[in-house]
């Protein structure tokens, strides 16, 4: 095969690879508190429920156009602004019903979380693809649920 033919075949192969082969940046629903009573407070002094998003990847990502939802039937429920998360960064979004997305201020969804149990998902900008979700059962006051964390062990 000639070098030109190899280049053409390589380009054809790259175009044939499905879009799902590159899932894009990794961001996850990391922790949820659906019964925040006097815990973490927002800029108004209230203590609404909250959702923590985490980016474990090595590059900075923008969440502009991503969505948060508490309903499997409505994946594109609350649109995130251009929040930039660096490596191993986190952002807290209050699930307060206040619907605030102006940066650099605190973020608030227009929905609240159900303390009797529910669902939270982070949806990619296409408004359909769930990047990460978390189902939770009945919540105790000021207790959060989330992804398992690594145990820290002393060195040596």
Protein backbone atom coordinates (compact mmCIF):
# COMPACT_ATOMS: atom_id res chain seq x y z
CA UNK A 1 0.00 0.00 0.00
CA UNK A 2 1.15 3.47 -0.70
CA UNK A 3 1.47 6.08 2.00
CA UNK A 4 -1.37 8.09 0.42
CA UNK A 5 -3.70 5.09 0.54
CA UNK A 6 -2.84 4.51 4.21
CA UNK A 7 -3.68 8.12 5.00
CA UNK A 8 -7.02 7.88 3.19
CA UNK A 9 -7.87 4.61 4.98
CA UNK A 10 -6.94 6.15 8.34
CA UNK A 11 -9.20 9.14 7.69
CA UNK A 12 -12.08 6.89 6.63
CA UNK A 13 -11.63 4.79 9.78
CA UNK A 14 -11.63 7.90 11.98
CA UNK A 15 -14.89 9.09 10.39
CA UNK A 16 -16.48 5.66 10.83
CA UNK A 17 -15.86 5.52 14.58
CA UNK A 18 -19.21 6.18 16.30
CA UNK A 19 -19.73 9.31 18.39
CA UNK A 20 -20.10 7.22 21.55
CA UNK A 21 -16.50 6.08 21.24
CA UNK A 22 -15.40 9.42 22.75
CA UNK A 23 -17.67 10.04 25.73
CA UNK A 24 -16.26 13.52 26.32
CA UNK A 25 -15.31 14.94 29.70
CA UNK A 26 -16.04 13.00 32.84
CA UNK A 27 -18.16 14.84 35.38
CA UNK A 28 -20.23 13.05 37.99
CA UNK A 29 -22.99 13.63 40.48
CA UNK A 30 -20.78 13.04 43.48
CA UNK A 31 -22.87 13.83 46.53
CA UNK A 32 -26.44 14.88 47.32
CA UNK A 33 -28.00 16.27 50.47
CA UNK A 34 -31.80 16.19 50.24
CA UNK A 35 -32.48 17.20 53.85
CA UNK A 36 -30.20 20.14 54.63
CA UNK A 37 -31.40 21.63 57.91
CA UNK A 38 -29.11 24.37 59.15
CA UNK A 39 -26.06 22.88 57.40
CA UNK A 40 -24.43 24.44 54.35
CA UNK A 41 -25.99 27.88 53.83
CA UNK A 42 -26.48 29.86 50.65
CA UNK A 43 -25.96 33.59 50.06
CA UNK A 44 -29.42 34.34 51.52
CA UNK A 45 -28.65 32.56 54.79
CA UNK A 46 -30.97 29.67 53.89
CA UNK A 47 -29.88 26.03 54.05
CA UNK A 48 -31.36 24.48 50.90
CA UNK A 49 -30.62 20.99 49.64
CA UNK A 50 -27.60 20.67 47.39
CA UNK A 51 -25.91 18.62 44.67
CA UNK A 52 -22.14 18.33 44.41
CA UNK A 53 -20.59 17.73 40.98
CA UNK A 54 -17.04 16.40 40.66
CA UNK A 55 -14.62 16.35 37.74
CA UNK A 56 -11.96 13.65 38.35
CA UNK A 57 -10.23 14.19 34.98
CA UNK A 58 -6.85 15.79 34.28
CA UNK A 59 -8.09 18.72 32.13
CA UNK A 60 -10.31 21.73 32.76
CA UNK A 61 -13.87 21.26 31.47
CA UNK A 62 -16.77 23.65 30.96
CA UNK A 63 -20.27 22.67 32.06
CA UNK A 64 -21.84 25.27 29.77
CA UNK A 65 -25.01 23.76 28.36
CA UNK A 66 -25.03 20.66 30.59
CA UNK A 67 -28.21 19.96 32.54
CA UNK A 68 -29.25 18.88 36.01
CA UNK A 69 -32.52 17.09 36.62
CA UNK A 70 -34.47 15.38 39.36
CA UNK A 71 -36.77 13.67 36.84
CA UNK A 72 -35.95 10.78 34.51
CA UNK A 73 -38.75 11.98 32.22
CA UNK A 74 -37.35 15.53 31.93
CA UNK A 75 -33.58 15.20 31.39
CA UNK A 76 -33.06 18.83 30.28
CA UNK A 77 -34.54 20.41 33.40
CA UNK A 78 -32.03 23.04 34.64
CA UNK A 79 -29.21 24.31 32.40
CA UNK A 80 -25.78 24.90 33.86
CA UNK A 81 -23.87 28.06 32.95
CA UNK A 82 -20.20 28.18 31.91
CA UNK A 83 -18.83 26.72 35.15
CA UNK A 84 -15.23 25.63 34.62
CA UNK A 85 -13.93 22.70 36.64
CA UNK A 86 -10.22 22.05 36.83
CA UNK A 87 -8.64 18.68 37.61
CA UNK A 88 -10.28 17.00 40.62
CA UNK A 89 -12.53 20.05 41.11
CA UNK A 90 -16.01 20.20 42.60
CA UNK A 91 -18.93 22.60 42.48
CA UNK A 92 -22.00 22.73 44.70
CA UNK A 93 -25.36 23.56 43.12
CA UNK A 94 -28.17 24.36 45.53
CA UNK A 95 -31.44 22.58 44.78
CA UNK A 96 -33.44 25.45 46.24
CA UNK A 97 -36.10 26.33 43.70
CA UNK A 98 -34.54 29.83 43.37
CA UNK A 99 -33.37 29.31 39.75
CA UNK A 100 -30.12 31.30 39.75
CA UNK A 101 -27.37 30.72 37.21
CA UNK A 102 -25.54 34.05 36.99
CA UNK A 103 -21.81 33.67 37.47
CA UNK A 104 -19.78 34.20 39.55
CA UNK A 105 -22.58 33.81 42.09
CA UNK A 106 -23.86 30.63 43.72
CA UNK A 107 -25.90 28.31 41.52
CA UNK A 108 -29.50 27.35 42.32
CA UNK A 109 -31.75 24.97 40.39
CA UNK A 110 -35.43 25.77 39.95
CA UNK A 111 -36.28 22.42 41.56
CA UNK A 112 -35.91 21.08 45.09
CA UNK A 113 -34.99 17.56 46.15
CA UNK A 114 -37.35 15.13 47.84
CA UNK A 115 -36.21 14.07 51.32
CA UNK A 116 -38.28 10.87 51.02
CA UNK A 117 -36.01 9.70 48.19
CA UNK A 118 -35.41 10.57 44.59
CA UNK A 119 -33.19 10.84 41.56
CA UNK A 120 -30.56 13.33 40.41
CA UNK A 121 -28.80 13.27 37.05
CA UNK A 122 -26.21 15.30 35.20
CA UNK A 123 -27.09 15.35 31.50
CA UNK A 124 -24.77 16.19 28.61
CA UNK A 125 -25.45 19.25 26.41
CA UNK A 126 -27.50 17.18 23.94
CA UNK A 127 -30.23 17.22 26.62
CA UNK A 128 -30.66 13.42 26.48
CA UNK A 129 -27.47 11.61 27.43
CA UNK A 130 -27.08 10.99 31.16
CA UNK A 131 -23.43 11.47 32.11
CA UNK A 132 -23.97 10.52 35.76
CA UNK A 133 -26.93 9.83 38.00
CA UNK A 134 -27.68 8.98 41.58
CA UNK A 135 -30.76 7.41 43.13
CA UNK A 136 -31.24 7.90 46.83
CA UNK A 137 -33.65 6.62 49.44
CA UNK A 138 -35.24 8.42 52.39
CA UNK A 139 -32.83 10.96 53.87
CA UNK A 140 -31.93 11.71 57.46
CA UNK A 141 -31.48 15.36 58.38
CA UNK A 142 -28.05 16.71 57.44
CA UNK A 143 -26.81 13.40 56.05
CA UNK A 144 -25.65 13.23 52.47
CA UNK A 145 -25.37 10.32 50.07
CA UNK A 146 -22.92 9.90 47.23
CA UNK A 147 -20.21 7.97 45.52
CA UNK A 148 -17.95 5.71 47.60
CA UNK A 149 -14.80 7.45 48.66
CA UNK A 150 -11.37 5.93 48.90
CA UNK A 151 -10.19 5.26 52.42
CA UNK A 152 -7.17 7.29 53.32
CA UNK A 153 -4.45 5.17 54.86
CA UNK A 154 -1.36 6.48 56.57
CA UNK A 155 1.83 6.07 54.57
CA UNK A 156 4.25 3.37 55.62
